[in-house]
């Protein structure tokens, strides 16, 4: 699957929607979406996230490659969280190394849902791929000792942060979208490789950094 950056995403969908180009280096999800959608406005325009967006049922599709877990469920509807669904999400977002489950901040889960729900408008149905959720103090310390990106007072240890990617979308696309929600901090981690980088999202103060 070709990974699309922000400009390529908008250009590809707009071109297909207007002239029906058949030969283009984008994935089939974009091609299918373009047959039905007019050229999209700026993907990161905050005005597109209206009240109707936030009151719809919140269904997520998340995977955790580290453990092989996957959940596809509706965790929020009509103003109420489904307790059983919430517990399943907390389990998926657990500290896999320490095998510890933590009660995750529901605002963080909302951010992950919102990113996925928004790109679904444009035909992207990729799952949210979690690379790190809750971290015990011991796991966080091990990451620091190994020279991996981890803060000593990481919000991961409070259930307020997650690192994730969305297959098929460049981290810059995902990160700028999450920033538009103004729900906390966003870290951009760009890496060379088959899977590329990832985005850190948390429910702390609004801020941005590159790691």
C-alpha atoms as a PDB file:
ATOM      1  CA  UNK A   1       0.000   0.000   0.000  1.00  0.00           C
ATOM      2  CA  UNK A   2       1.315   3.426  -0.922  1.00  0.00           C
ATOM      3  CA  UNK A   3       1.589   5.764   2.044  1.00  0.00           C
ATOM      4  CA  UNK A   4       0.101   9.170   1.284  1.00  0.00           C
ATOM      5  CA  UNK A   5       1.296  12.452   2.677  1.00  0.00           C
ATOM      6  CA  UNK A   6      -1.038  15.419   3.173  1.00  0.00           C
ATOM      7  CA  UNK A   7      -0.566  16.986  -0.262  1.00  0.00           C
ATOM      8  CA  UNK A   8      -0.704  13.672  -2.134  1.00  0.00           C
ATOM      9  CA  UNK A   9      -3.889  12.670  -0.309  1.00  0.00           C
ATOM     10  CA  UNK A  10      -5.763  15.810  -1.269  1.00  0.00           C
ATOM     11  CA  UNK A  11      -4.395  15.905  -4.812  1.00  0.00           C
ATOM     12  CA  UNK A  12      -5.169  12.259  -5.526  1.00  0.00           C
ATOM     13  CA  UNK A  13      -8.747  12.342  -4.277  1.00  0.00           C
ATOM     14  CA  UNK A  14      -9.451  15.689  -5.947  1.00  0.00           C
ATOM     15  CA  UNK A  15      -8.039  14.552  -9.296  1.00  0.00           C
ATOM     16  CA  UNK A  16      -9.971  11.305  -9.308  1.00  0.00           C
ATOM     17  CA  UNK A  17     -13.215  12.990  -8.308  1.00  0.00           C
ATOM     18  CA  UNK A  18     -12.984  15.586 -11.071  1.00  0.00           C
ATOM     19  CA  UNK A  19     -11.669  13.635 -14.074  1.00  0.00           C
ATOM     20  CA  UNK A  20     -11.931   9.954 -13.145  1.00  0.00           C
ATOM     21  CA  UNK A  21      -8.266   9.084 -13.664  1.00  0.00           C
ATOM     22  CA  UNK A  22      -7.861   5.307 -13.548  1.00  0.00           C
ATOM     23  CA  UNK A  23      -4.072   5.029 -13.537  1.00  0.00           C
ATOM     24  CA  UNK A  24      -2.738   6.532 -10.319  1.00  0.00           C
ATOM     25  CA  UNK A  25      -0.436   5.341  -7.551  1.00  0.00           C
ATOM     26  CA  UNK A  26      -2.865   5.423  -4.660  1.00  0.00           C
ATOM     27  CA  UNK A  27      -4.602   2.659  -2.791  1.00  0.00           C
ATOM     28  CA  UNK A  28      -8.000   1.243  -3.747  1.00  0.00           C
ATOM     29  CA  UNK A  29      -9.703   2.903  -0.752  1.00  0.00           C
ATOM     30  CA  UNK A  30      -9.000   6.339  -2.216  1.00  0.00           C
ATOM     31  CA  UNK A  31     -10.167   5.226  -5.665  1.00  0.00           C
ATOM     32  CA  UNK A  32     -13.474   3.961  -4.273  1.00  0.00           C
ATOM     33  CA  UNK A  33     -14.017   7.106  -2.235  1.00  0.00           C
ATOM     34  CA  UNK A  34     -13.293   9.404  -5.158  1.00  0.00           C
ATOM     35  CA  UNK A  35     -16.133   7.950  -7.202  1.00  0.00           C
ATOM     36  CA  UNK A  36     -18.637   9.291  -4.672  1.00  0.00           C
ATOM     37  CA  UNK A  37     -17.037  12.399  -3.174  1.00  0.00           C
ATOM     38  CA  UNK A  38     -16.561  15.869  -4.524  1.00  0.00           C
ATOM     39  CA  UNK A  39     -13.021  17.243  -4.198  1.00  0.00           C
ATOM     40  CA  UNK A  40     -12.472  17.438  -0.436  1.00  0.00           C
ATOM     41  CA  UNK A  41     -11.805  20.676   1.387  1.00  0.00           C
ATOM     42  CA  UNK A  42      -8.638  21.021   3.424  1.00  0.00           C
ATOM     43  CA  UNK A  43      -8.449  17.840   5.492  1.00  0.00           C
ATOM     44  CA  UNK A  44      -7.373  19.798   8.547  1.00  0.00           C
ATOM     45  CA  UNK A  45      -9.916  22.609   8.519  1.00  0.00           C
ATOM     46  CA  UNK A  46     -11.215  22.730  12.136  1.00  0.00           C
ATOM     47  CA  UNK A  47     -14.608  23.964  10.951  1.00  0.00           C
ATOM     48  CA  UNK A  48     -15.255  20.515   9.488  1.00  0.00           C
ATOM     49  CA  UNK A  49     -15.420  19.025  12.996  1.00  0.00           C
ATOM     50  CA  UNK A  50     -18.922  20.181  13.901  1.00  0.00           C
ATOM     51  CA  UNK A  51     -21.372  19.151  16.611  1.00  0.00           C
ATOM     52  CA  UNK A  52     -22.861  16.403  14.443  1.00  0.00           C
ATOM     53  CA  UNK A  53     -19.429  14.804  14.257  1.00  0.00           C
ATOM     54  CA  UNK A  54     -19.085  14.580  18.045  1.00  0.00           C
ATOM     55  CA  UNK A  55     -22.590  13.291  18.804  1.00  0.00           C
ATOM     56  CA  UNK A  56     -22.503  10.331  16.433  1.00  0.00           C
ATOM     57  CA  UNK A  57     -21.891   6.856  17.909  1.00  0.00           C
ATOM     58  CA  UNK A  58     -18.178   6.280  18.443  1.00  0.00           C
ATOM     59  CA  UNK A  59     -16.973   3.044  16.903  1.00  0.00           C
ATOM     60  CA  UNK A  60     -13.300   2.134  16.690  1.00  0.00           C
ATOM     61  CA  UNK A  61     -11.211  -0.472  14.934  1.00  0.00           C
ATOM     62  CA  UNK A  62      -7.880  -0.847  16.762  1.00  0.00           C
ATOM     63  CA  UNK A  63      -5.054  -3.323  16.484  1.00  0.00           C
ATOM     64  CA  UNK A  64      -2.041  -3.974  18.691  1.00  0.00           C
ATOM     65  CA  UNK A  65       0.646  -5.736  16.632  1.00  0.00           C
ATOM     66  CA  UNK A  66       2.754  -6.271  19.746  1.00  0.00           C
ATOM     67  CA  UNK A  67       0.149  -8.587  21.275  1.00  0.00           C
ATOM     68  CA  UNK A  68      -1.957  -9.594  18.285  1.00  0.00           C
ATOM     69  CA  UNK A  69      -5.087  -8.016  19.807  1.00  0.00           C
ATOM     70  CA  UNK A  70      -7.788  -6.347  17.737  1.00  0.00           C
ATOM     71  CA  UNK A  71     -11.040  -4.706  18.780  1.00  0.00           C
ATOM     72  CA  UNK A  72     -13.895  -3.474  16.597  1.00  0.00           C
ATOM     73  CA  UNK A  73     -16.640  -2.033  18.742  1.00  0.00           C
ATOM     74  CA  UNK A  74     -18.862   0.922  19.615  1.00  0.00           C
ATOM     75  CA  UNK A  75     -17.773   2.294  22.977  1.00  0.00           C
ATOM     76  CA  UNK A  76     -19.937   5.455  23.163  1.00  0.00           C
ATOM     77  CA  UNK A  77     -23.505   6.162  22.084  1.00  0.00           C
ATOM     78  CA  UNK A  78     -26.208   8.666  23.051  1.00  0.00           C
ATOM     79  CA  UNK A  79     -23.907  10.341  25.559  1.00  0.00           C
ATOM     80  CA  UNK A  80     -22.956   7.164  27.416  1.00  0.00           C
ATOM     81  CA  UNK A  81     -19.877   4.961  27.490  1.00  0.00           C
ATOM     82  CA  UNK A  82     -20.388   1.218  27.241  1.00  0.00           C
ATOM     83  CA  UNK A  83     -18.468  -0.124  30.283  1.00  0.00           C
ATOM     84  CA  UNK A  84     -17.683  -3.471  28.690  1.00  0.00           C
ATOM     85  CA  UNK A  85     -16.371  -1.841  25.511  1.00  0.00           C
ATOM     86  CA  UNK A  86     -14.293   0.569  27.588  1.00  0.00           C
ATOM     87  CA  UNK A  87     -12.714  -2.345  29.462  1.00  0.00           C
ATOM     88  CA  UNK A  88     -11.820  -4.027  26.173  1.00  0.00           C
ATOM     89  CA  UNK A  89     -10.115  -0.859  24.980  1.00  0.00           C
ATOM     90  CA  UNK A  90      -8.177  -0.522  28.227  1.00  0.00           C
ATOM     91  CA  UNK A  91      -7.007  -4.109  27.810  1.00  0.00           C
ATOM     92  CA  UNK A  92      -5.791  -3.476  24.263  1.00  0.00           C
ATOM     93  CA  UNK A  93      -4.013  -0.298  25.453  1.00  0.00           C
ATOM     94  CA  UNK A  94      -2.347  -2.109  28.377  1.00  0.00           C
ATOM     95  CA  UNK A  95       1.360  -2.286  29.119  1.00  0.00           C
ATOM     96  CA  UNK A  96       2.062  -5.429  27.106  1.00  0.00           C
ATOM     97  CA  UNK A  97       5.577  -5.907  28.477  1.00  0.00           C
ATOM     98  CA  UNK A  98       4.451  -5.761  32.105  1.00  0.00           C
ATOM     99  CA  UNK A  99       1.014  -7.248  31.365  1.00  0.00           C
ATOM    100  CA  UNK A 100      -0.676  -4.464  33.342  1.00  0.00           C
ATOM    101  CA  UNK A 101      -4.056  -2.941  32.524  1.00  0.00           C
ATOM    102  CA  UNK A 102      -4.848   0.660  33.453  1.00  0.00           C
ATOM    103  CA  UNK A 103      -7.991   2.780  33.301  1.00  0.00           C
ATOM    104  CA  UNK A 104      -7.248   4.936  30.269  1.00  0.00           C
ATOM    105  CA  UNK A 105      -8.357   8.545  29.931  1.00  0.00           C
ATOM    106  CA  UNK A 106     -11.570   8.481  27.890  1.00  0.00           C
ATOM    107  CA  UNK A 107     -10.545  11.761  26.256  1.00  0.00           C
ATOM    108  CA  UNK A 108      -7.553   9.964  24.761  1.00  0.00           C
ATOM    109  CA  UNK A 109      -9.794   7.232  23.385  1.00  0.00           C
ATOM    110  CA  UNK A 110     -11.999   9.967  21.908  1.00  0.00           C
ATOM    111  CA  UNK A 111      -8.976  11.445  20.131  1.00  0.00           C
ATOM    112  CA  UNK A 112      -8.060   8.096  18.586  1.00  0.00           C
ATOM    113  CA  UNK A 113     -11.664   7.576  17.538  1.00  0.00           C
ATOM    114  CA  UNK A 114     -11.935  11.072  16.064  1.00  0.00           C
ATOM    115  CA  UNK A 115      -8.860  10.607  13.874  1.00  0.00           C
ATOM    116  CA  UNK A 116     -10.222   7.369  12.488  1.00  0.00           C
ATOM    117  CA  UNK A 117     -13.781   8.654  12.101  1.00  0.00           C
ATOM    118  CA  UNK A 118     -12.625  11.738  10.234  1.00  0.00           C
ATOM    119  CA  UNK A 119     -10.565   9.963   7.577  1.00  0.00           C
ATOM    120  CA  UNK A 120     -13.399   7.487   7.065  1.00  0.00           C
ATOM    121  CA  UNK A 121     -15.230  10.392   5.455  1.00  0.00           C
ATOM    122  CA  UNK A 122     -12.726  10.095   2.610  1.00  0.00           C
ATOM    123  CA  UNK A 123     -12.869   6.341   2.189  1.00  0.00           C
ATOM    124  CA  UNK A 124     -10.014   5.342   4.498  1.00  0.00           C
ATOM    125  CA  UNK A 125     -10.956   2.361   6.621  1.00  0.00           C
ATOM    126  CA  UNK A 126      -7.535   1.416   8.016  1.00  0.00           C
ATOM    127  CA  UNK A 127      -7.441   0.423  11.707  1.00  0.00           C
ATOM    128  CA  UNK A 128      -5.701   2.518  14.335  1.00  0.00           C
ATOM    129  CA  UNK A 129      -2.440   0.683  14.976  1.00  0.00           C
ATOM    130  CA  UNK A 130      -1.348   1.161  18.591  1.00  0.00           C
ATOM    131  CA  UNK A 131       2.385   0.948  19.213  1.00  0.00           C
ATOM    132  CA  UNK A 132       2.282   2.097  22.836  1.00  0.00           C
ATOM    133  CA  UNK A 133      -0.507   2.781  25.305  1.00  0.00           C
ATOM    134  CA  UNK A 134      -0.247   2.622  29.075  1.00  0.00           C
ATOM    135  CA  UNK A 135       3.260   2.182  30.459  1.00  0.00           C
ATOM    136  CA  UNK A 136       4.172   1.124  33.940  1.00  0.00           C
ATOM    137  CA  UNK A 137       6.974   3.077  35.601  1.00  0.00           C
ATOM    138  CA  UNK A 138       9.245   0.063  35.141  1.00  0.00           C
ATOM    139  CA  UNK A 139       8.568  -0.212  31.422  1.00  0.00           C
ATOM    140  CA  UNK A 140       9.019   3.518  30.945  1.00  0.00           C
ATOM    141  CA  UNK A 141      12.354   3.390  32.767  1.00  0.00           C
ATOM    142  CA  UNK A 142      13.535   0.528  30.571  1.00  0.00           C
ATOM    143  CA  UNK A 143      12.753   2.531  27.453  1.00  0.00           C
ATOM    144  CA  UNK A 144      14.765   5.477  28.746  1.00  0.00           C
ATOM    145  CA  UNK A 145      17.709   3.220  29.627  1.00  0.00           C
ATOM    146  CA  UNK A 146      17.575   1.742  26.122  1.00  0.00           C
ATOM    147  CA  UNK A 147      17.780   5.219  24.600  1.00  0.00           C
ATOM    148  CA  UNK A 148      14.273   5.103  23.165  1.00  0.00           C
ATOM    149  CA  UNK A 149      11.965   8.167  23.113  1.00  0.00           C
ATOM    150  CA  UNK A 150      10.314   8.274  26.533  1.00  0.00           C
ATOM    151  CA  UNK A 151       9.908  11.129  29.014  1.00  0.00           C
ATOM    152  CA  UNK A 152      10.673  10.578  32.700  1.00  0.00           C
ATOM    153  CA  UNK A 153       7.248  11.920  33.655  1.00  0.00           C
ATOM    154  CA  UNK A 154       5.511  10.419  30.638  1.00  0.00           C
ATOM    155  CA  UNK A 155       1.747  10.762  30.397  1.00  0.00           C
ATOM    156  CA  UNK A 156       1.770   7.150  29.222  1.00  0.00           C
ATOM    157  CA  UNK A 157       2.209   6.233  32.896  1.00  0.00           C
ATOM    158  CA  UNK A 158      -1.079   8.011  33.714  1.00  0.00           C
ATOM    159  CA  UNK A 159      -3.114   6.447  30.938  1.00  0.00           C
ATOM    160  CA  UNK A 160      -3.201   9.787  29.131  1.00  0.00           C
ATOM    161  CA  UNK A 161      -1.078   9.022  26.073  1.00  0.00           C
ATOM    162  CA  UNK A 162      -0.807   6.635  23.150  1.00  0.00           C
ATOM    163  CA  UNK A 163       1.539   6.222  20.209  1.00  0.00           C
ATOM    164  CA  UNK A 164      -0.135   5.109  17.005  1.00  0.00           C
ATOM    165  CA  UNK A 165      -0.150   5.098  13.235  1.00  0.00           C
ATOM    166  CA  UNK A 166      -2.788   4.639  10.557  1.00  0.00           C
ATOM    167  CA  UNK A 167      -1.592   2.404   7.712  1.00  0.00           C
ATOM    168  CA  UNK A 168      -1.780   4.209   4.382  1.00  0.00           C
ATOM    169  CA  UNK A 169      -1.482   7.713   5.837  1.00  0.00           C
ATOM    170  CA  UNK A 170       1.771   9.550   6.449  1.00  0.00           C
ATOM    171  CA  UNK A 171       2.350  10.525  10.112  1.00  0.00           C
ATOM    172  CA  UNK A 172       2.218  14.196   9.141  1.00  0.00           C
ATOM    173  CA  UNK A 173      -1.350  13.721   7.889  1.00  0.00           C
ATOM    174  CA  UNK A 174      -2.428  11.992  11.082  1.00  0.00           C
ATOM    175  CA  UNK A 175      -0.553  14.375  13.374  1.00  0.00           C
ATOM    176  CA  UNK A 176      -1.921  17.559  11.816  1.00  0.00           C
ATOM    177  CA  UNK A 177      -5.409  16.111  11.984  1.00  0.00           C
ATOM    178  CA  UNK A 178      -5.037  15.313  15.699  1.00  0.00           C
ATOM    179  CA  UNK A 179      -3.710  18.821  16.303  1.00  0.00           C
ATOM    180  CA  UNK A 180      -6.928  20.178  14.824  1.00  0.00           C
ATOM    181  CA  UNK A 181      -8.890  18.595  17.675  1.00  0.00           C
ATOM    182  CA  UNK A 182      -6.934  20.702  20.213  1.00  0.00           C
ATOM    183  CA  UNK A 183      -7.216  17.936  22.797  1.00  0.00           C
ATOM    184  CA  UNK A 184      -3.625  17.851  24.071  1.00  0.00           C
ATOM    185  CA  UNK A 185      -0.050  17.294  22.986  1.00  0.00           C
ATOM    186  CA  UNK A 186       1.028  15.865  19.643  1.00  0.00           C
ATOM    187  CA  UNK A 187       4.469  14.421  18.923  1.00  0.00           C
ATOM    188  CA  UNK A 188       5.641  13.635  15.385  1.00  0.00           C
ATOM    189  CA  UNK A 189       8.042  10.701  15.086  1.00  0.00           C
ATOM    190  CA  UNK A 190       9.258  10.199  11.526  1.00  0.00           C
ATOM    191  CA  UNK A 191      11.216   7.009  10.797  1.00  0.00           C
ATOM    192  CA  UNK A 192      12.598   5.354   7.686  1.00  0.00           C
ATOM    193  CA  UNK A 193      11.261   1.859   7.066  1.00  0.00           C
ATOM    194  CA  UNK A 194       8.347  -0.179   5.808  1.00  0.00           C
ATOM    195  CA  UNK A 195       5.993   1.072   8.520  1.00  0.00           C
ATOM    196  CA  UNK A 196       7.383   4.575   8.781  1.00  0.00           C
ATOM    197  CA  UNK A 197       6.892   6.658  11.914  1.00  0.00           C
ATOM    198  CA  UNK A 198       4.120   7.228  14.380  1.00  0.00           C
ATOM    199  CA  UNK A 199       2.209   9.924  16.242  1.00  0.00           C
ATOM    200  CA  UNK A 200       2.127  10.495  19.982  1.00  0.00           C
ATOM    201  CA  UNK A 201      -1.196  11.889  21.238  1.00  0.00           C
ATOM    202  CA  UNK A 202      -1.959  12.812  24.832  1.00  0.00           C
ATOM    203  CA  UNK A 203      -4.485  14.717  26.917  1.00  0.00           C
ATOM    204  CA  UNK A 204      -1.971  17.021  28.554  1.00  0.00           C
ATOM    205  CA  UNK A 205      -1.383  20.694  27.657  1.00  0.00           C
ATOM    206  CA  UNK A 206      -1.542  21.594  23.966  1.00  0.00           C
ATOM    207  CA  UNK A 207       1.961  21.460  22.500  1.00  0.00           C
ATOM    208  CA  UNK A 208       3.888  20.022  19.574  1.00  0.00           C
ATOM    209  CA  UNK A 209       7.293  18.449  19.099  1.00  0.00           C
ATOM    210  CA  UNK A 210       9.382  16.338  16.725  1.00  0.00           C
ATOM    211  CA  UNK A 211      11.076  13.235  18.041  1.00  0.00           C
END
